[in-house]
Protein backbone atom coordinates (compact mmCIF):
# COMPACT_ATOMS: atom_id res chain seq x y z
CA MET A 1 0.00 0.00 0.00
CA ALA A 2 1.29 3.43 -0.93
CA SER A 3 2.60 5.70 1.81
CA ILE A 4 0.84 9.09 1.72
CA GLN A 5 2.15 12.08 3.71
CA LYS A 6 1.34 15.77 3.70
CA ARG A 7 4.35 18.03 3.26
CA GLY A 8 3.43 21.68 3.48
CA THR A 9 0.65 22.27 0.98
CA LYS A 10 1.51 19.19 -1.10
CA TRP A 11 0.90 15.46 -0.73
CA PHE A 12 3.88 13.11 -1.03
CA ALA A 13 3.22 9.54 -2.18
CA GLN A 14 5.68 6.68 -2.16
CA VAL A 15 5.40 3.06 -3.28
CA CYS A 16 7.91 0.34 -2.33
CA MET A 17 7.16 -3.08 -3.78
CA GLN A 18 9.19 -6.00 -5.06
CA GLY A 19 12.40 -4.02 -4.96
CA VAL A 20 10.88 -1.11 -6.90
CA ARG A 21 10.66 2.31 -5.28
CA LYS A 22 8.58 5.14 -6.79
CA SER A 23 7.56 8.53 -5.39
CA ALA A 24 5.75 11.64 -6.56
CA THR A 25 4.15 14.84 -5.20
CA PHE A 26 0.52 15.92 -5.80
CA SER A 27 -1.79 18.81 -5.03
CA THR A 28 -4.47 16.66 -3.39
CA LYS A 29 -4.57 13.53 -1.28
CA ALA A 30 -7.00 11.91 -3.71
CA GLN A 31 -4.53 12.34 -6.56
CA ALA A 32 -1.76 10.82 -4.45
CA LYS A 33 -3.90 7.79 -3.56
CA ALA A 34 -4.95 7.25 -7.15
CA TRP A 35 -1.34 7.42 -8.33
CA GLY A 36 -0.26 4.96 -5.64
CA THR A 37 -2.93 2.46 -6.63
CA GLN A 38 -1.96 2.75 -10.29
CA ILE A 39 1.77 2.29 -9.65
CA GLU A 40 1.15 -0.75 -7.45
CA SER A 41 -0.92 -2.36 -10.22
CA GLU A 42 1.80 -1.60 -12.76
CA ILE A 43 4.50 -3.12 -10.55
CA LEU A 44 2.44 -6.29 -10.11
CA ALA A 45 2.00 -6.39 -13.89
CA GLY A 46 5.78 -6.16 -14.36
CA LYS A 47 5.76 -2.74 -16.00
CA HIS A 48 8.40 -1.34 -13.63
CA SER A 49 11.28 -3.75 -13.87
CA GLU A 50 14.07 -1.52 -12.63
CA LYS A 51 16.67 -3.80 -11.14
CA PRO A 52 17.82 -2.88 -7.61
CA THR A 53 21.47 -1.91 -7.54
CA LYS A 54 22.32 -2.86 -3.98
CA THR A 55 24.94 -5.57 -3.61
CA LEU A 56 25.20 -8.49 -1.22
CA LEU A 57 28.19 -6.75 0.35
CA GLU A 58 26.06 -3.68 1.14
CA ALA A 59 23.37 -5.92 2.63
CA ILE A 60 25.96 -7.70 4.79
CA ASP A 61 27.35 -4.40 6.09
CA ARG A 62 23.93 -3.01 6.94
CA TYR A 63 22.82 -6.26 8.56
CA ALA A 64 25.98 -6.35 10.69
CA GLU A 65 25.36 -2.77 11.80
CA GLU A 66 21.61 -2.85 12.42
CA VAL A 67 20.42 -6.43 13.01
CA SER A 68 23.22 -8.55 14.46
CA PRO A 69 23.76 -6.34 17.54
CA THR A 70 20.18 -7.14 18.63
CA LYS A 71 20.93 -10.88 18.88
CA ARG A 72 22.56 -13.01 21.56
CA GLY A 73 24.78 -14.64 18.95
CA VAL A 74 26.17 -11.31 17.80
CA ARG A 75 29.82 -12.36 18.10
CA TRP A 76 29.44 -15.42 15.88
CA GLU A 77 27.33 -13.50 13.36
CA LEU A 78 29.79 -10.64 13.01
CA ILE A 79 32.68 -13.06 12.49
CA ARG A 80 30.73 -14.93 9.83
CA LEU A 81 29.49 -11.77 8.09
CA LYS A 82 33.01 -10.37 7.98
CA ALA A 83 34.25 -13.58 6.37
CA TRP A 84 31.48 -13.42 3.78
CA LYS A 85 32.82 -10.12 2.47
CA ARG A 86 35.48 -12.21 0.74
CA LEU A 87 32.98 -14.42 -1.07
CA PRO A 88 33.46 -14.38 -4.86
CA PHE A 89 29.85 -13.24 -5.28
CA ALA A 90 29.84 -10.67 -2.46
CA HIS A 91 29.98 -7.78 -4.96
CA TYR A 92 27.10 -9.17 -7.02
CA LYS A 93 23.84 -7.25 -7.03
CA LEU A 94 21.36 -8.97 -4.74
CA GLY A 95 19.17 -9.93 -7.68
CA ASP A 96 22.13 -11.61 -9.39
CA VAL A 97 22.90 -13.94 -6.49
CA SER A 98 21.00 -16.95 -7.78
CA THR A 99 20.02 -20.27 -6.25
CA PRO A 100 22.62 -22.21 -8.32
CA ILE A 101 25.36 -19.88 -7.07
CA LEU A 102 24.37 -20.52 -3.47
CA ALA A 103 24.04 -24.26 -4.08
CA GLU A 104 27.61 -24.33 -5.35
CA TRP A 105 28.75 -22.37 -2.30
CA ARG A 106 26.92 -24.88 -0.04
CA ASP A 107 28.68 -27.82 -1.71
CA GLU A 108 32.10 -26.19 -1.27
CA ARG A 109 31.43 -25.50 2.41
CA LEU A 110 30.39 -29.11 2.99
CA LYS A 111 33.89 -30.19 1.96
CA THR A 112 35.41 -28.42 4.97
CA VAL A 113 32.73 -28.12 7.69
CA GLN A 114 29.92 -30.19 9.18
CA PRO A 115 26.35 -30.09 7.78
CA SER A 116 25.13 -28.48 11.01
CA THR A 117 27.57 -25.59 10.46
CA VAL A 118 26.40 -25.14 6.87
CA ASN A 119 22.79 -25.07 8.03
CA ARG A 120 23.56 -22.36 10.60
CA GLU A 121 25.35 -20.32 7.93
CA MET A 122 22.49 -20.78 5.47
CA ASN A 123 20.02 -19.63 8.13
CA LEU A 124 22.05 -16.46 8.63
CA LEU A 125 22.40 -15.81 4.90
CA SER A 126 18.66 -16.34 4.47
CA SER A 127 18.05 -13.83 7.24
CA VAL A 128 20.23 -11.27 5.43
CA PHE A 129 18.29 -11.73 2.18
CA GLU A 130 14.94 -11.70 3.98
CA GLN A 131 15.81 -8.45 5.76
CA ALA A 132 16.87 -6.93 2.43
CA ARG A 133 13.65 -8.12 0.80
CA ARG A 134 11.08 -7.24 3.45
CA GLU A 135 12.47 -4.31 5.41
CA TRP A 136 14.78 -2.55 2.98
CA GLN A 137 13.09 -3.38 -0.33
CA TRP A 138 16.48 -4.02 -1.91
CA THR A 139 15.48 -7.22 -3.68
CA ALA A 140 12.34 -9.02 -4.75
CA LEU A 141 13.52 -12.54 -3.99
CA ASN A 142 15.30 -14.58 -1.35
CA PRO A 143 17.37 -17.12 -3.35
CA THR A 144 18.23 -19.21 -0.30
CA ARG A 145 14.64 -20.49 -0.10
CA ASP A 146 15.17 -22.92 -2.97
CA VAL A 147 18.60 -24.14 -1.88
CA ARG A 148 18.39 -27.65 -0.48
CA ARG A 149 19.69 -27.86 3.07
CA PRO A 150 22.09 -30.65 4.01
CA PRO A 151 20.53 -33.20 6.36
CA GLN A 152 21.18 -32.55 10.03
CA PRO A 153 23.31 -35.17 11.81
CA LYS A 154 21.53 -37.38 14.31
CA HIS A 155 21.20 -36.04 17.81
CA ARG A 156 23.71 -37.28 20.38
CA GLU A 157 22.58 -40.09 22.64
CA ARG A 158 25.36 -39.59 25.19
CA ILE A 159 24.72 -39.25 28.91
CA PHE A 160 27.15 -39.65 31.81
CA SER A 161 27.14 -42.70 34.04
CA GLU A 162 27.79 -42.32 37.76
CA THR A 163 31.16 -44.00 37.31
CA GLU A 164 32.18 -41.54 34.58
CA ILE A 165 31.13 -38.56 36.70
CA GLU A 166 33.22 -39.83 39.62
CA LYS A 167 36.23 -40.32 37.35
CA ILE A 168 35.94 -36.83 35.86
CA ILE A 169 35.59 -34.94 39.15
CA GLU A 170 38.41 -36.99 40.63
CA SER A 171 40.59 -36.05 37.66
CA LEU A 172 39.71 -32.40 38.37
CA GLY A 173 40.82 -32.74 41.98
CA PHE A 174 37.38 -32.36 43.55
CA ASP A 175 36.71 -33.62 47.07
CA SER A 176 33.34 -32.90 48.63
CA ASN A 177 34.98 -32.55 52.05
CA GLU A 178 37.50 -29.93 50.92
CA SER A 179 37.12 -26.25 49.95
CA ILE A 180 37.14 -25.14 46.33
CA GLU A 181 40.36 -23.39 45.35
CA THR A 182 41.59 -24.27 41.85
CA LYS A 183 40.01 -23.72 38.42
CA GLN A 184 39.83 -27.48 37.98
CA GLN A 185 37.82 -27.78 41.20
CA ILE A 186 35.54 -24.94 40.07
CA ILE A 187 34.88 -26.84 36.83
CA ALA A 188 34.14 -30.04 38.75
CA THR A 189 31.63 -28.12 40.86
CA ALA A 190 30.13 -26.59 37.72
CA LEU A 191 29.67 -30.09 36.28
CA LEU A 192 27.91 -31.32 39.41
CA PHE A 193 25.78 -28.16 39.40
CA ALA A 194 24.83 -28.70 35.74
CA LEU A 195 23.77 -32.25 36.58
CA GLU A 196 21.38 -30.84 39.20
CA THR A 197 19.96 -27.90 37.22
CA ALA A 198 20.36 -28.76 33.50
CA MET A 199 21.77 -25.26 33.02
CA ARG A 200 23.93 -24.55 29.98
CA ARG A 201 27.67 -23.83 30.14
CA GLU A 202 27.18 -20.11 29.33
CA GLU A 203 24.41 -19.79 31.92
CA ILE A 204 26.62 -21.30 34.61
CA THR A 205 29.82 -19.35 33.85
CA GLY A 206 27.82 -16.11 33.45
CA LEU A 207 25.91 -16.50 36.70
CA GLU A 208 26.04 -13.64 39.24
CA TRP A 209 25.33 -13.80 42.96
CA SER A 210 22.65 -11.12 42.58
CA ARG A 211 20.66 -13.65 40.56
CA VAL A 212 20.89 -16.37 43.23
CA ASP A 213 18.31 -16.71 46.02
CA LEU A 214 19.48 -19.58 48.21
CA GLU A 215 16.67 -19.04 50.72
CA ARG A 216 13.96 -19.53 48.09
CA ARG A 217 16.17 -21.98 46.16
CA VAL A 218 15.76 -20.11 42.87
CA ILE A 219 18.11 -18.67 40.25
CA ILE A 220 16.90 -15.91 37.93
CA LEU A 221 18.37 -15.91 34.44
CA PRO A 222 17.37 -12.57 32.84
CA LYS A 223 18.13 -13.66 29.28
CA THR A 224 18.66 -17.18 28.02
CA LYS A 225 19.43 -18.80 24.66
CA ASN A 226 15.91 -18.29 23.30
CA GLY A 227 15.81 -14.69 24.53
CA ASP A 228 13.43 -15.35 27.43
CA ALA A 229 14.04 -14.90 31.13
CA ARG A 230 13.92 -18.06 33.23
CA ARG A 231 13.66 -18.96 36.90
CA VAL A 232 15.60 -22.13 37.70
CA PRO A 233 14.56 -24.10 40.80
CA LEU A 234 17.42 -25.49 42.88
CA SER A 235 17.62 -28.90 44.49
CA LYS A 236 19.11 -29.15 47.95
CA ARG A 237 22.29 -30.53 46.39
CA ALA A 238 22.49 -27.56 43.97
CA GLY A 239 22.14 -25.17 46.90
CA GLU A 240 24.92 -26.96 48.78
CA LEU A 241 27.23 -26.66 45.77
CA LEU A 242 26.58 -22.91 45.56
CA GLN A 243 27.32 -22.50 49.25
CA LYS A 244 30.76 -24.05 48.64
CA MET A 245 31.45 -21.25 46.11
CA GLN A 246 30.55 -18.24 48.28
CA GLN A 247 34.17 -17.16 48.71
CA PHE A 248 34.27 -16.12 45.05
CA ASP A 249 32.98 -12.87 43.49
CA SER A 250 30.74 -14.91 41.19
CA PRO A 251 29.42 -18.46 41.66
CA PHE A 252 31.60 -20.00 38.93
CA PRO A 253 34.48 -17.61 38.14
CA VAL A 254 35.85 -19.27 35.02
CA ASN A 255 35.67 -18.42 31.32
CA LYS A 256 33.37 -20.70 29.32
CA ASP A 257 36.14 -21.60 26.86
CA VAL A 258 38.58 -22.37 29.67
CA LEU A 259 35.90 -24.57 31.20
CA SER A 260 35.54 -26.55 27.96
CA THR A 261 39.30 -26.92 27.52
CA LEU A 262 39.99 -28.13 31.06
CA PHE A 263 36.92 -30.37 31.00
CA ARG A 264 38.14 -32.11 27.82
CA ARG A 265 41.56 -32.57 29.37
CA ALA A 266 40.02 -34.08 32.50
CA CYS A 267 37.96 -36.50 30.40
CA LEU A 268 41.10 -37.53 28.53
CA ASN A 269 42.96 -38.15 31.79
CA ALA A 270 39.99 -40.04 33.22
CA LYS A 271 39.66 -42.11 30.01
CA VAL A 272 36.06 -40.97 29.55
CA GLU A 273 35.51 -40.95 25.80
CA ASN A 274 33.16 -38.96 23.54
CA ALA A 275 32.24 -36.56 26.33
CA ARG A 276 31.21 -32.93 26.20
CA PHE A 277 30.25 -30.63 29.05
CA HIS A 278 26.88 -30.07 27.33
CA ASP A 279 26.13 -33.78 27.85
CA ALA A 280 25.54 -32.87 31.49
CA ARG A 281 22.36 -31.06 30.37
CA ALA A 282 21.04 -34.22 28.71
CA THR A 283 22.03 -36.30 31.72
CA ALA A 284 20.21 -33.92 34.05
CA LEU A 285 17.08 -33.81 31.89
CA THR A 286 16.97 -37.60 31.66
CA ARG A 287 17.19 -37.84 35.44
CA LEU A 288 14.70 -35.05 36.10
CA ALA A 289 12.15 -36.71 33.82
CA ASN A 290 11.65 -39.23 36.63
CA LYS A 291 10.71 -36.45 39.05
CA LEU A 292 8.86 -33.80 37.04
CA THR A 293 6.04 -33.76 34.53
CA VAL A 294 6.78 -32.82 30.92
CA LEU A 295 5.40 -29.30 31.39
CA GLU A 296 7.29 -28.82 34.67
CA LEU A 297 10.51 -29.98 33.05
CA ALA A 298 10.01 -27.74 29.99
CA ARG A 299 9.44 -24.75 32.26
CA MET A 300 12.51 -25.52 34.37
CA VAL A 301 14.90 -25.76 31.43
CA GLY A 302 13.32 -23.02 29.31
CA HIS A 303 11.89 -24.96 26.35
CA ARG A 304 8.94 -23.19 24.74
CA ASP A 305 7.99 -26.39 22.95
CA PRO A 306 7.96 -29.51 25.16
CA ARG A 307 8.84 -31.58 22.09
CA SER A 308 12.33 -30.08 22.27
CA LEU A 309 12.88 -32.18 25.38
CA MET A 310 13.16 -35.25 23.17
CA ILE A 311 16.54 -33.98 21.95
CA TYR A 312 17.89 -34.27 25.49
CA TYR A 313 15.86 -37.12 26.97
CA ARG A 314 18.17 -40.10 26.51
CA GLU A 315 16.88 -42.87 28.74
CA SER A 316 18.07 -46.24 27.46
CA ALA A 317 15.69 -48.93 26.27
CA GLU A 318 17.06 -51.20 29.02
CA SER A 319 16.14 -48.67 31.74
CA LEU A 320 12.68 -48.22 30.28
CA ALA A 321 12.21 -51.99 30.15
CA ALA A 322 13.02 -52.23 33.86
CA LYS A 323 10.27 -49.71 34.63
CA LEU A 324 7.70 -51.87 32.87
CA ASP A 325 7.96 -54.65 35.48
């Protein structure tokens, strides 16, 4: 629909459709409306086929400046967008970046990175094109829509056994009867805390004491992965672990990347294979499923759709069989 505005004694009309932008000034509002209706009909009929001149590079720059800073994953997006400036088709006009070009780019990426990485990158590129199409009217099409996505790898089925947990925390030098002093011991405590709360690595390492209410046994996370705030209930064991950390300025004073590095090293020393810190979330959810209803569990871990729990619920068929008797 045409935009009609009064400017002084004149009426200014503007039409932005399918990458075509037209404007004109009229003496009356009725004339402006009539012109707008006519131009819209002509655009739909293909009579105004001016090709937008904006390039993918310009769209990347504007997206990085205006859109990425509003997202939690801003750091990853800016790194990826910066790298895309070197793409051989970055200087192409948006309308010239075709589906076959992007399909070829997808195939080249699959030679060096995992399908899940390519899918994340394609989601971002699609978002750039969609922003340029809908908000900026720089292009009429989003060519990523017709590019076939590589199949996602199967979800992990890994959870920690009690024996593995004991080996890992022992490798990290944790003793429940001793105070927490080293980074390795902090990471061991973080692992045990994750097993109680199903909190993510970033949520644990970014936790502040002001968000912890030990009396009510609740943690308040103001902004989580999906953008929502979340209140995490604490078990008695989780509360005890936090009390052991009260000598520090924050509950878990360790960088998330340092945590991952030292955790991998501990698993290697403990001979615990194919383990990631994030597997603690799946282990916790699988355990908690025996205590909470599906809706209670979804609310605790911050899943808007309870079906997402199936990604993390990893009870074995043998354990389920035992419950049938």
